[in-house]
Amino acid sequence: VDGDGFDDLLLTAAYVADPFRPLAYLVRGAADFASSVGAVGDATWQLRGDDGVECVAPLFAAAPGDVDGDGLADLALACVAQTGDTALDTAYSVFLGAQVSALPPGPFGYAARSFLVQPSDQLVPYGGPVSGLGDLDGDGFDEFAVISWVDGLSTVSARIVAGHPDPWQDVGFLDLYWFEETGALDPYAPFL
């Protein structure tokens, strides 16, 4: 994420005292990585879930590629949060490499994310991984897919998000009503 020529490592974990609170560590790569990193405490940055943020499933971490084309790797985290007695809400938080590397070393929260991607609002999604797809259209910006499933894992959906230069805005729900009723894509979901 910092452009120093070394790959970085993103790990997810759980608090012992609060196992549903999201926690991730970003360890910077180095020539002496094997000898310089002994524990997650050696991580440069730690994502700590904000108060009230709980993941009812494992926190998924991924490298979507360079979605803004600035030459730095970006990272993504997916959290399935319980919003009511039985309701689940999945959020995919994307952190652009330049913005992460500008943070001071230490902990940061979800508020530091660059943008949020949400799946379809027509389904009750159980979040899955974010998959980097590379530069599918040759424009210099990597695309990525957010994956979710529902109905006892019998229905799987993937939403492809097109890379483009910064600034990014949150990518809202994909409204399937438009497609089902008109046969056209949702005009309010431009990042497909």
N, C-alpha and C. Protein backbone atom coordinates (compact mmCIF):
# COMPACT_ATOMS: atom_id res chain seq x y z
N VAL A 1 0.81 -1.21 0.00
CA VAL A 1 0.00 0.00 0.00
C VAL A 1 0.84 1.27 0.00
N ASP A 2 2.13 1.12 0.31
CA ASP A 2 2.95 2.32 0.45
C ASP A 2 3.92 2.54 -0.70
N GLY A 3 3.93 1.66 -1.70
CA GLY A 3 4.76 1.86 -2.88
C GLY A 3 6.25 1.70 -2.66
N ASP A 4 6.67 0.99 -1.61
CA ASP A 4 8.10 0.85 -1.32
C ASP A 4 8.74 -0.32 -2.06
N GLY A 5 7.98 -1.03 -2.89
CA GLY A 5 8.52 -2.16 -3.64
C GLY A 5 8.38 -3.50 -2.95
N PHE A 6 7.89 -3.51 -1.72
CA PHE A 6 7.67 -4.76 -0.99
C PHE A 6 6.18 -4.99 -0.82
N ASP A 7 5.74 -6.23 -1.02
CA ASP A 7 4.34 -6.57 -0.77
C ASP A 7 4.05 -6.48 0.72
N ASP A 8 2.83 -6.09 1.04
CA ASP A 8 2.41 -5.97 2.44
C ASP A 8 1.45 -7.11 2.77
N LEU A 9 1.25 -7.36 4.05
CA LEU A 9 0.43 -8.48 4.52
C LEU A 9 -0.73 -7.96 5.34
N LEU A 10 -1.95 -8.36 4.97
CA LEU A 10 -3.17 -7.98 5.69
C LEU A 10 -3.74 -9.22 6.36
N LEU A 11 -3.90 -9.17 7.68
CA LEU A 11 -4.41 -10.30 8.46
C LEU A 11 -5.68 -9.88 9.19
N THR A 12 -6.61 -10.79 9.35
CA THR A 12 -7.78 -10.50 10.18
C THR A 12 -7.70 -11.34 11.44
N ALA A 13 -8.34 -10.85 12.50
CA ALA A 13 -8.29 -11.53 13.78
C ALA A 13 -9.57 -11.21 14.55
N ALA A 14 -9.59 -11.58 15.81
CA ALA A 14 -10.73 -11.28 16.67
C ALA A 14 -10.20 -10.96 18.07
N TYR A 15 -10.87 -10.03 18.73
CA TYR A 15 -10.55 -9.74 20.12
C TYR A 15 -10.94 -10.95 20.97
N VAL A 16 -10.12 -11.32 21.92
CA VAL A 16 -10.46 -12.42 22.81
C VAL A 16 -11.66 -12.04 23.66
N ALA A 17 -11.66 -10.82 24.18
CA ALA A 17 -12.75 -10.38 25.05
C ALA A 17 -14.03 -10.06 24.28
N ASP A 18 -13.90 -9.72 23.00
CA ASP A 18 -15.06 -9.34 22.18
C ASP A 18 -14.88 -9.93 20.79
N PRO A 19 -15.11 -11.23 20.60
CA PRO A 19 -14.77 -11.90 19.35
C PRO A 19 -15.54 -11.42 18.12
N PHE A 20 -16.64 -10.69 18.29
CA PHE A 20 -17.39 -10.21 17.14
C PHE A 20 -16.94 -8.84 16.66
N ARG A 21 -16.08 -8.19 17.40
CA ARG A 21 -15.58 -6.86 17.00
C ARG A 21 -14.48 -7.04 15.96
N PRO A 22 -14.59 -6.40 14.79
CA PRO A 22 -13.60 -6.62 13.73
C PRO A 22 -12.23 -6.08 14.10
N LEU A 23 -11.22 -6.80 13.65
CA LEU A 23 -9.84 -6.46 13.93
C LEU A 23 -8.99 -6.95 12.76
N ALA A 24 -8.13 -6.10 12.25
CA ALA A 24 -7.23 -6.49 11.16
C ALA A 24 -5.88 -5.81 11.37
N TYR A 25 -4.85 -6.45 10.87
CA TYR A 25 -3.50 -5.93 10.98
C TYR A 25 -2.90 -5.80 9.59
N LEU A 26 -2.23 -4.68 9.33
CA LEU A 26 -1.52 -4.47 8.07
C LEU A 26 -0.04 -4.36 8.39
N VAL A 27 0.71 -5.37 7.93
CA VAL A 27 2.15 -5.45 8.20
C VAL A 27 2.88 -5.05 6.93
N ARG A 28 3.75 -4.08 7.03
CA ARG A 28 4.52 -3.63 5.86
C ARG A 28 5.60 -4.64 5.50
N GLY A 29 5.75 -4.85 4.21
CA GLY A 29 6.81 -5.74 3.74
C GLY A 29 8.18 -5.10 3.91
N ALA A 30 9.21 -5.93 3.99
CA ALA A 30 10.58 -5.45 4.14
C ALA A 30 11.54 -6.53 3.66
N ALA A 31 12.76 -6.14 3.34
CA ALA A 31 13.76 -7.10 2.88
C ALA A 31 14.03 -8.16 3.95
N ASP A 32 13.96 -7.77 5.21
CA ASP A 32 14.21 -8.70 6.31
C ASP A 32 12.90 -9.09 7.00
N PHE A 33 11.84 -9.26 6.22
CA PHE A 33 10.50 -9.49 6.76
C PHE A 33 10.46 -10.66 7.74
N ALA A 34 11.05 -11.78 7.37
CA ALA A 34 10.97 -12.98 8.21
C ALA A 34 11.61 -12.78 9.59
N SER A 35 12.65 -11.99 9.68
CA SER A 35 13.30 -11.78 10.96
C SER A 35 12.79 -10.54 11.70
N SER A 36 12.14 -9.62 10.99
CA SER A 36 11.71 -8.38 11.65
C SER A 36 10.28 -8.44 12.16
N VAL A 37 9.49 -9.42 11.71
CA VAL A 37 8.11 -9.53 12.15
C VAL A 37 7.96 -10.80 12.97
N GLY A 38 7.66 -10.62 14.25
CA GLY A 38 7.52 -11.78 15.11
C GLY A 38 6.10 -12.00 15.59
N ALA A 39 5.28 -10.94 15.55
CA ALA A 39 3.90 -11.04 16.05
C ALA A 39 3.07 -9.94 15.40
N VAL A 40 1.75 -10.07 15.53
CA VAL A 40 0.88 -9.05 14.94
C VAL A 40 1.11 -7.68 15.56
N GLY A 41 1.69 -7.65 16.74
CA GLY A 41 2.01 -6.37 17.36
C GLY A 41 3.03 -5.58 16.57
N ASP A 42 3.73 -6.24 15.64
CA ASP A 42 4.70 -5.56 14.78
C ASP A 42 4.04 -4.89 13.58
N ALA A 43 2.73 -5.01 13.46
CA ALA A 43 2.02 -4.40 12.33
C ALA A 43 2.13 -2.88 12.39
N THR A 44 2.25 -2.27 11.23
CA THR A 44 2.31 -0.81 11.17
C THR A 44 0.95 -0.20 11.50
N TRP A 45 -0.12 -0.79 10.95
CA TRP A 45 -1.46 -0.27 11.17
C TRP A 45 -2.37 -1.37 11.69
N GLN A 46 -3.34 -1.01 12.53
CA GLN A 46 -4.33 -1.95 13.03
C GLN A 46 -5.72 -1.34 12.83
N LEU A 47 -6.56 -2.04 12.09
CA LEU A 47 -7.95 -1.62 11.96
C LEU A 47 -8.69 -2.16 13.18
N ARG A 48 -9.33 -1.30 13.90
CA ARG A 48 -10.10 -1.72 15.07
C ARG A 48 -11.54 -1.30 14.84
N GLY A 49 -12.43 -2.25 14.93
CA GLY A 49 -13.84 -1.95 14.74
C GLY A 49 -14.32 -0.90 15.72
N ASP A 50 -15.09 0.05 15.22
CA ASP A 50 -15.62 1.11 16.05
C ASP A 50 -16.62 0.55 17.04
N ASP A 51 -16.92 1.30 18.09
CA ASP A 51 -17.92 0.87 19.07
C ASP A 51 -19.23 0.57 18.35
N GLY A 52 -19.83 -0.55 18.68
CA GLY A 52 -21.10 -0.93 18.09
C GLY A 52 -20.98 -1.69 16.78
N VAL A 53 -19.77 -1.77 16.20
CA VAL A 53 -19.57 -2.54 14.97
C VAL A 53 -19.22 -3.97 15.36
N GLU A 54 -20.07 -4.90 14.98
CA GLU A 54 -19.81 -6.30 15.27
C GLU A 54 -20.00 -7.13 14.01
N CYS A 55 -19.06 -8.00 13.75
CA CYS A 55 -19.18 -8.92 12.62
C CYS A 55 -19.65 -10.27 13.16
N VAL A 56 -20.74 -10.78 12.63
CA VAL A 56 -21.27 -12.06 13.09
C VAL A 56 -20.67 -13.23 12.31
N ALA A 57 -19.78 -12.91 11.41
CA ALA A 57 -19.05 -13.92 10.64
C ALA A 57 -17.61 -13.44 10.55
N PRO A 58 -16.70 -14.27 10.09
CA PRO A 58 -15.32 -13.81 9.99
C PRO A 58 -15.20 -12.57 9.10
N LEU A 59 -14.29 -11.70 9.47
CA LEU A 59 -13.99 -10.51 8.67
C LEU A 59 -13.17 -10.97 7.47
N PHE A 60 -13.65 -10.65 6.26
CA PHE A 60 -12.93 -11.03 5.05
C PHE A 60 -11.99 -9.90 4.65
N ALA A 61 -10.76 -10.23 4.30
CA ALA A 61 -9.78 -9.25 3.85
C ALA A 61 -9.35 -9.61 2.44
N ALA A 62 -9.11 -8.60 1.62
CA ALA A 62 -8.72 -8.86 0.23
C ALA A 62 -7.90 -7.72 -0.33
N ALA A 63 -7.23 -8.02 -1.42
CA ALA A 63 -6.48 -7.02 -2.19
C ALA A 63 -7.18 -6.86 -3.53
N PRO A 64 -8.01 -5.82 -3.69
CA PRO A 64 -8.75 -5.66 -4.94
C PRO A 64 -7.88 -5.20 -6.11
N GLY A 65 -6.63 -4.89 -5.86
CA GLY A 65 -5.74 -4.38 -6.90
C GLY A 65 -5.52 -2.89 -6.71
N ASP A 66 -5.22 -2.22 -7.81
CA ASP A 66 -5.02 -0.76 -7.80
C ASP A 66 -6.24 -0.13 -8.45
N VAL A 67 -7.30 0.06 -7.68
CA VAL A 67 -8.59 0.48 -8.26
C VAL A 67 -8.60 1.94 -8.69
N ASP A 68 -7.67 2.75 -8.16
CA ASP A 68 -7.66 4.17 -8.55
C ASP A 68 -6.48 4.51 -9.46
N GLY A 69 -5.68 3.52 -9.85
CA GLY A 69 -4.63 3.70 -10.84
C GLY A 69 -3.47 4.57 -10.41
N ASP A 70 -3.23 4.70 -9.10
CA ASP A 70 -2.13 5.56 -8.64
C ASP A 70 -0.83 4.80 -8.42
N GLY A 71 -0.81 3.50 -8.75
CA GLY A 71 0.39 2.70 -8.59
C GLY A 71 0.55 2.04 -7.23
N LEU A 72 -0.41 2.28 -6.32
CA LEU A 72 -0.36 1.69 -4.98
C LEU A 72 -1.46 0.66 -4.83
N ALA A 73 -1.15 -0.43 -4.14
CA ALA A 73 -2.16 -1.46 -3.89
C ALA A 73 -3.20 -0.94 -2.91
N ASP A 74 -4.44 -1.33 -3.13
CA ASP A 74 -5.54 -0.95 -2.25
C ASP A 74 -6.00 -2.18 -1.49
N LEU A 75 -6.78 -2.02 -0.45
CA LEU A 75 -7.23 -3.16 0.33
C LEU A 75 -8.71 -3.03 0.65
N ALA A 76 -9.34 -4.17 0.93
CA ALA A 76 -10.78 -4.20 1.21
C ALA A 76 -11.06 -5.15 2.36
N LEU A 77 -12.10 -4.81 3.13
CA LEU A 77 -12.57 -5.65 4.22
C LEU A 77 -14.08 -5.77 4.13
N ALA A 78 -14.59 -6.97 4.35
CA ALA A 78 -16.04 -7.20 4.32
C ALA A 78 -16.49 -7.68 5.69
N CYS A 79 -17.57 -7.07 6.18
CA CYS A 79 -18.09 -7.40 7.50
C CYS A 79 -19.59 -7.68 7.38
N VAL A 80 -20.03 -8.79 7.93
CA VAL A 80 -21.46 -9.09 8.01
C VAL A 80 -21.90 -8.68 9.41
N ALA A 81 -22.74 -7.65 9.49
CA ALA A 81 -23.17 -7.14 10.79
C ALA A 81 -24.63 -7.49 11.02
N GLN A 82 -24.96 -7.80 12.25
CA GLN A 82 -26.36 -8.06 12.59
C GLN A 82 -27.00 -6.75 12.98
N THR A 83 -28.04 -6.33 12.23
CA THR A 83 -28.66 -5.03 12.45
C THR A 83 -29.97 -5.12 13.20
N GLY A 84 -30.47 -6.28 13.43
CA GLY A 84 -31.71 -6.48 14.17
C GLY A 84 -31.70 -7.88 14.74
N ASP A 85 -32.86 -8.37 15.15
CA ASP A 85 -32.91 -9.72 15.72
C ASP A 85 -32.42 -10.77 14.74
N THR A 86 -32.82 -10.64 13.47
CA THR A 86 -32.40 -11.62 12.47
C THR A 86 -31.82 -10.98 11.22
N ALA A 87 -31.93 -9.65 11.08
CA ALA A 87 -31.47 -8.98 9.86
C ALA A 87 -29.95 -8.91 9.80
N LEU A 88 -29.41 -9.16 8.61
CA LEU A 88 -27.97 -9.05 8.39
C LEU A 88 -27.72 -7.95 7.38
N ASP A 89 -26.62 -7.25 7.55
CA ASP A 89 -26.23 -6.21 6.62
C ASP A 89 -24.75 -6.41 6.30
N THR A 90 -24.42 -6.46 5.03
CA THR A 90 -23.05 -6.65 4.62
C THR A 90 -22.50 -5.35 4.07
N ALA A 91 -21.31 -4.99 4.50
CA ALA A 91 -20.66 -3.79 4.00
C ALA A 91 -19.24 -4.14 3.58
N TYR A 92 -18.85 -3.65 2.43
CA TYR A 92 -17.52 -3.86 1.90
C TYR A 92 -16.79 -2.51 1.98
N SER A 93 -15.81 -2.40 2.84
CA SER A 93 -15.06 -1.17 3.01
C SER A 93 -13.78 -1.25 2.20
N VAL A 94 -13.53 -0.24 1.38
CA VAL A 94 -12.33 -0.20 0.56
C VAL A 94 -11.45 0.94 1.07
N PHE A 95 -10.18 0.64 1.24
CA PHE A 95 -9.19 1.60 1.71
C PHE A 95 -8.17 1.78 0.60
N LEU A 96 -8.06 2.98 0.03
CA LEU A 96 -7.08 3.25 -1.02
C LEU A 96 -5.69 3.31 -0.40
N GLY A 97 -4.71 2.73 -1.10
CA GLY A 97 -3.35 2.63 -0.56
C GLY A 97 -2.76 3.97 -0.16
N ALA A 98 -2.94 5.00 -0.97
CA ALA A 98 -2.37 6.31 -0.65
C ALA A 98 -2.96 6.87 0.63
N GLN A 99 -4.23 6.62 0.86
CA GLN A 99 -4.86 7.14 2.07
C GLN A 99 -4.43 6.36 3.31
N VAL A 100 -4.25 5.04 3.16
CA VAL A 100 -3.78 4.24 4.30
C VAL A 100 -2.35 4.62 4.64
N SER A 101 -1.47 4.72 3.63
CA SER A 101 -0.06 5.01 3.92
C SER A 101 0.13 6.41 4.47
N ALA A 102 -0.84 7.30 4.29
CA ALA A 102 -0.76 8.65 4.87
C ALA A 102 -1.17 8.67 6.35
N LEU A 103 -1.80 7.57 6.82
CA LEU A 103 -2.20 7.51 8.22
C LEU A 103 -0.97 7.34 9.10
N PRO A 104 -0.98 7.91 10.31
CA PRO A 104 0.13 7.64 11.22
C PRO A 104 0.10 6.17 11.65
N PRO A 105 1.25 5.58 11.93
CA PRO A 105 1.26 4.19 12.41
C PRO A 105 0.39 4.05 13.65
N GLY A 106 -0.26 2.89 13.76
CA GLY A 106 -1.11 2.64 14.91
C GLY A 106 -2.52 2.28 14.49
N PRO A 107 -3.45 2.36 15.43
CA PRO A 107 -4.83 1.95 15.13
C PRO A 107 -5.61 2.98 14.34
N PHE A 108 -6.55 2.48 13.53
CA PHE A 108 -7.52 3.34 12.85
C PHE A 108 -8.83 2.58 12.78
N GLY A 109 -9.93 3.30 12.56
CA GLY A 109 -11.25 2.70 12.51
C GLY A 109 -11.83 2.71 11.12
N TYR A 110 -13.05 2.20 11.01
CA TYR A 110 -13.73 2.14 9.71
C TYR A 110 -13.96 3.52 9.10
N ALA A 111 -14.00 4.54 9.92
CA ALA A 111 -14.21 5.89 9.40
C ALA A 111 -13.09 6.31 8.45
N ALA A 112 -11.94 5.65 8.52
CA ALA A 112 -10.81 5.97 7.64
C ALA A 112 -10.97 5.39 6.24
N ARG A 113 -12.02 4.59 6.02
CA ARG A 113 -12.17 3.96 4.70
C ARG A 113 -12.34 5.03 3.63
N SER A 114 -11.93 4.68 2.42
CA SER A 114 -12.05 5.59 1.30
C SER A 114 -13.46 5.60 0.74
N PHE A 115 -14.07 4.42 0.66
CA PHE A 115 -15.46 4.33 0.21
C PHE A 115 -16.05 2.99 0.60
N LEU A 116 -17.35 2.88 0.49
CA LEU A 116 -18.11 1.70 0.89
C LEU A 116 -18.82 1.15 -0.34
N VAL A 117 -18.88 -0.17 -0.46
CA VAL A 117 -19.64 -0.81 -1.54
C VAL A 117 -20.70 -1.69 -0.88
N GLN A 118 -21.93 -1.58 -1.34
CA GLN A 118 -23.02 -2.39 -0.81
C GLN A 118 -23.55 -3.32 -1.91
N PRO A 119 -23.98 -4.53 -1.53
CA PRO A 119 -24.56 -5.45 -2.52
C PRO A 119 -26.01 -5.09 -2.79
N SER A 120 -26.75 -5.99 -3.38
CA SER A 120 -28.15 -5.75 -3.71
C SER A 120 -28.99 -5.59 -2.46
N ASP A 121 -29.93 -4.64 -2.49
CA ASP A 121 -30.83 -4.48 -1.35
C ASP A 121 -32.04 -5.38 -1.48
N GLN A 122 -32.14 -6.16 -2.55
CA GLN A 122 -33.27 -7.06 -2.74
C GLN A 122 -33.06 -8.39 -2.03
N LEU A 123 -31.87 -8.62 -1.55
CA LEU A 123 -31.52 -9.88 -0.93
C LEU A 123 -31.08 -9.63 0.50
N VAL A 124 -31.05 -10.66 1.30
CA VAL A 124 -30.45 -10.58 2.63
C VAL A 124 -29.08 -11.23 2.49
N PRO A 125 -28.05 -10.45 2.22
CA PRO A 125 -26.78 -11.05 1.83
C PRO A 125 -25.95 -11.51 3.01
N TYR A 126 -25.25 -12.57 2.77
CA TYR A 126 -24.20 -13.02 3.66
C TYR A 126 -22.91 -12.74 2.90
N GLY A 127 -22.12 -11.84 3.42
CA GLY A 127 -20.96 -11.35 2.67
C GLY A 127 -19.91 -12.40 2.43
N GLY A 128 -19.28 -12.28 1.33
CA GLY A 128 -18.18 -13.15 0.97
C GLY A 128 -16.97 -12.30 0.67
N PRO A 129 -16.00 -12.87 0.05
CA PRO A 129 -14.77 -12.14 -0.21
C PRO A 129 -14.92 -11.09 -1.30
N VAL A 130 -13.96 -10.20 -1.32
CA VAL A 130 -13.78 -9.25 -2.42
C VAL A 130 -12.72 -9.87 -3.32
N SER A 131 -12.96 -9.91 -4.60
CA SER A 131 -12.01 -10.52 -5.53
C SER A 131 -11.46 -9.49 -6.50
N GLY A 132 -10.15 -9.34 -6.51
CA GLY A 132 -9.51 -8.48 -7.49
C GLY A 132 -9.59 -9.13 -8.86
N LEU A 133 -9.96 -8.37 -9.88
CA LEU A 133 -10.15 -8.92 -11.22
C LEU A 133 -9.11 -8.44 -12.22
N GLY A 134 -8.24 -7.53 -11.80
CA GLY A 134 -7.29 -6.94 -12.74
C GLY A 134 -7.97 -5.86 -13.56
N ASP A 135 -7.27 -5.38 -14.55
CA ASP A 135 -7.78 -4.30 -15.40
C ASP A 135 -8.54 -4.92 -16.58
N LEU A 136 -9.82 -5.19 -16.39
CA LEU A 136 -10.62 -5.88 -17.39
C LEU A 136 -10.80 -5.10 -18.68
N ASP A 137 -10.89 -3.79 -18.58
CA ASP A 137 -11.19 -2.99 -19.77
C ASP A 137 -9.99 -2.20 -20.29
N GLY A 138 -8.80 -2.43 -19.74
CA GLY A 138 -7.58 -1.82 -20.27
C GLY A 138 -7.46 -0.33 -20.07
N ASP A 139 -8.16 0.23 -19.09
CA ASP A 139 -8.10 1.68 -18.90
C ASP A 139 -7.08 2.11 -17.85
N GLY A 140 -6.33 1.15 -17.28
CA GLY A 140 -5.32 1.48 -16.28
C GLY A 140 -5.81 1.41 -14.85
N PHE A 141 -7.08 1.02 -14.64
CA PHE A 141 -7.65 0.93 -13.30
C PHE A 141 -8.19 -0.49 -13.10
N ASP A 142 -7.84 -1.11 -11.99
CA ASP A 142 -8.29 -2.48 -11.73
C ASP A 142 -9.75 -2.51 -11.31
N GLU A 143 -10.45 -3.54 -11.76
CA GLU A 143 -11.83 -3.79 -11.34
C GLU A 143 -11.81 -4.83 -10.22
N PHE A 144 -12.90 -4.87 -9.44
CA PHE A 144 -13.02 -5.89 -8.41
C PHE A 144 -14.48 -6.29 -8.28
N ALA A 145 -14.70 -7.45 -7.67
CA ALA A 145 -16.06 -7.96 -7.47
C ALA A 145 -16.31 -8.15 -5.98
N VAL A 146 -17.52 -7.79 -5.56
CA VAL A 146 -17.96 -8.12 -4.20
C VAL A 146 -18.95 -9.27 -4.35
N ILE A 147 -18.81 -10.26 -3.50
CA ILE A 147 -19.57 -11.50 -3.64
C ILE A 147 -20.42 -11.70 -2.39
N SER A 148 -21.66 -12.10 -2.58
CA SER A 148 -22.54 -12.41 -1.45
C SER A 148 -23.43 -13.57 -1.82
N TRP A 149 -24.00 -14.19 -0.81
CA TRP A 149 -24.92 -15.30 -1.05
C TRP A 149 -26.05 -15.25 -0.05
N VAL A 150 -27.16 -15.92 -0.41
CA VAL A 150 -28.37 -15.91 0.42
C VAL A 150 -29.04 -17.28 0.35
N ASP A 151 -30.18 -17.39 1.03
CA ASP A 151 -31.03 -18.58 0.95
C ASP A 151 -30.27 -19.87 1.19
N GLY A 152 -29.59 -19.93 2.34
CA GLY A 152 -28.87 -21.17 2.66
C GLY A 152 -27.76 -21.46 1.66
N LEU A 153 -27.15 -20.41 1.13
CA LEU A 153 -26.04 -20.49 0.18
C LEU A 153 -26.46 -20.98 -1.20
N SER A 154 -27.77 -20.97 -1.49
CA SER A 154 -28.21 -21.47 -2.79
C SER A 154 -28.17 -20.41 -3.88
N THR A 155 -28.09 -19.13 -3.51
CA THR A 155 -28.02 -18.06 -4.49
C THR A 155 -26.76 -17.25 -4.25
N VAL A 156 -25.93 -17.14 -5.26
CA VAL A 156 -24.69 -16.39 -5.17
C VAL A 156 -24.77 -15.23 -6.15
N SER A 157 -24.33 -14.05 -5.70
CA SER A 157 -24.29 -12.92 -6.61
C SER A 157 -22.92 -12.26 -6.51
N ALA A 158 -22.48 -11.71 -7.62
CA ALA A 158 -21.23 -10.95 -7.65
C ALA A 158 -21.52 -9.61 -8.31
N ARG A 159 -21.00 -8.59 -7.74
CA ARG A 159 -21.16 -7.24 -8.29
C ARG A 159 -19.78 -6.73 -8.67
N ILE A 160 -19.61 -6.40 -9.94
CA ILE A 160 -18.32 -5.90 -10.42
C ILE A 160 -18.31 -4.38 -10.29
N VAL A 161 -17.24 -3.87 -9.70
CA VAL A 161 -17.08 -2.43 -9.53
C VAL A 161 -15.91 -2.00 -10.41
N ALA A 162 -16.16 -1.03 -11.30
CA ALA A 162 -15.14 -0.56 -12.23
C ALA A 162 -14.19 0.40 -11.54
N GLY A 163 -12.91 0.21 -11.79
CA GLY A 163 -11.91 1.12 -11.26
C GLY A 163 -11.94 2.45 -12.01
N HIS A 164 -11.55 3.51 -11.33
CA HIS A 164 -11.48 4.84 -11.93
C HIS A 164 -10.64 5.72 -11.02
N PRO A 165 -10.25 6.91 -11.49
CA PRO A 165 -9.41 7.77 -10.65
C PRO A 165 -10.17 8.27 -9.42
N ASP A 166 -9.39 8.62 -8.40
CA ASP A 166 -9.95 9.26 -7.22
C ASP A 166 -10.53 10.61 -7.66
N PRO A 167 -11.60 11.15 -7.14
CA PRO A 167 -12.26 10.74 -5.91
C PRO A 167 -13.30 9.65 -6.13
N TRP A 168 -13.47 8.84 -5.11
CA TRP A 168 -14.47 7.79 -5.09
C TRP A 168 -15.62 8.23 -4.20
N GLN A 169 -16.79 7.73 -4.48
CA GLN A 169 -17.93 7.91 -3.61
C GLN A 169 -18.44 6.52 -3.23
N ASP A 170 -19.21 6.45 -2.15
CA ASP A 170 -19.79 5.17 -1.78
C ASP A 170 -20.60 4.63 -2.94
N VAL A 171 -20.52 3.33 -3.14
CA VAL A 171 -21.28 2.66 -4.19
C VAL A 171 -22.50 2.03 -3.51
N GLY A 172 -23.67 2.60 -3.78
CA GLY A 172 -24.89 2.19 -3.08
C GLY A 172 -25.42 0.85 -3.54
N PHE A 173 -26.55 0.50 -2.97
CA PHE A 173 -27.19 -0.76 -3.31
C PHE A 173 -27.53 -0.84 -4.79
N LEU A 174 -27.45 -2.00 -5.35
CA LEU A 174 -27.89 -2.26 -6.70
C LEU A 174 -29.37 -2.61 -6.63
N ASP A 175 -30.20 -1.81 -7.23
CA ASP A 175 -31.64 -2.02 -7.16
C ASP A 175 -32.07 -2.93 -8.31
N LEU A 176 -32.38 -4.17 -7.99
CA LEU A 176 -32.77 -5.13 -9.03
C LEU A 176 -34.13 -4.83 -9.64
N TYR A 177 -34.91 -3.96 -9.02
CA TYR A 177 -36.23 -3.62 -9.55
C TYR A 177 -36.11 -3.09 -10.97
N TRP A 178 -35.14 -2.20 -11.21
CA TRP A 178 -34.97 -1.61 -12.54
C TRP A 178 -34.77 -2.69 -13.59
N PHE A 179 -33.89 -3.63 -13.28
CA PHE A 179 -33.58 -4.67 -14.25
C PHE A 179 -34.77 -5.59 -14.47
N GLU A 180 -35.43 -5.96 -13.38
CA GLU A 180 -36.56 -6.88 -13.49
C GLU A 180 -37.76 -6.24 -14.20
N GLU A 181 -38.01 -4.96 -13.94
CA GLU A 181 -39.18 -4.29 -14.50
C GLU A 181 -38.94 -3.68 -15.87
N THR A 182 -37.73 -3.20 -16.13
CA THR A 182 -37.48 -2.48 -17.38
C THR A 182 -36.51 -3.21 -18.31
N GLY A 183 -35.77 -4.18 -17.78
CA GLY A 183 -34.77 -4.86 -18.59
C GLY A 183 -33.50 -4.06 -18.73
N ALA A 184 -33.43 -2.88 -18.09
CA ALA A 184 -32.24 -2.03 -18.15
C ALA A 184 -31.58 -2.00 -16.78
N LEU A 185 -30.30 -1.69 -16.77
CA LEU A 185 -29.59 -1.58 -15.51
C LEU A 185 -30.06 -0.35 -14.75
N ASP A 186 -29.93 -0.40 -13.43
CA ASP A 186 -30.29 0.69 -12.55
C ASP A 186 -29.51 1.96 -12.94
N PRO A 187 -30.18 3.04 -13.35
CA PRO A 187 -29.44 4.25 -13.76
C PRO A 187 -28.75 4.93 -12.60
N TYR A 188 -29.08 4.57 -11.36
CA TYR A 188 -28.44 5.18 -10.21
C TYR A 188 -27.30 4.34 -9.65
N ALA A 189 -26.91 3.32 -10.35
CA ALA A 189 -25.78 2.48 -9.96
C ALA A 189 -24.74 2.50 -11.07
N PRO A 190 -24.02 3.62 -11.25
CA PRO A 190 -23.13 3.76 -12.40
C PRO A 190 -21.87 2.93 -12.34
N PHE A 191 -21.49 2.42 -11.18
CA PHE A 191 -20.23 1.71 -11.09
C PHE A 191 -20.43 0.21 -11.23
N LEU A 192 -20.84 -0.23 -12.39
CA LEU A 192 -21.06 -1.65 -12.64
C LEU A 192 -20.07 -2.14 -13.69
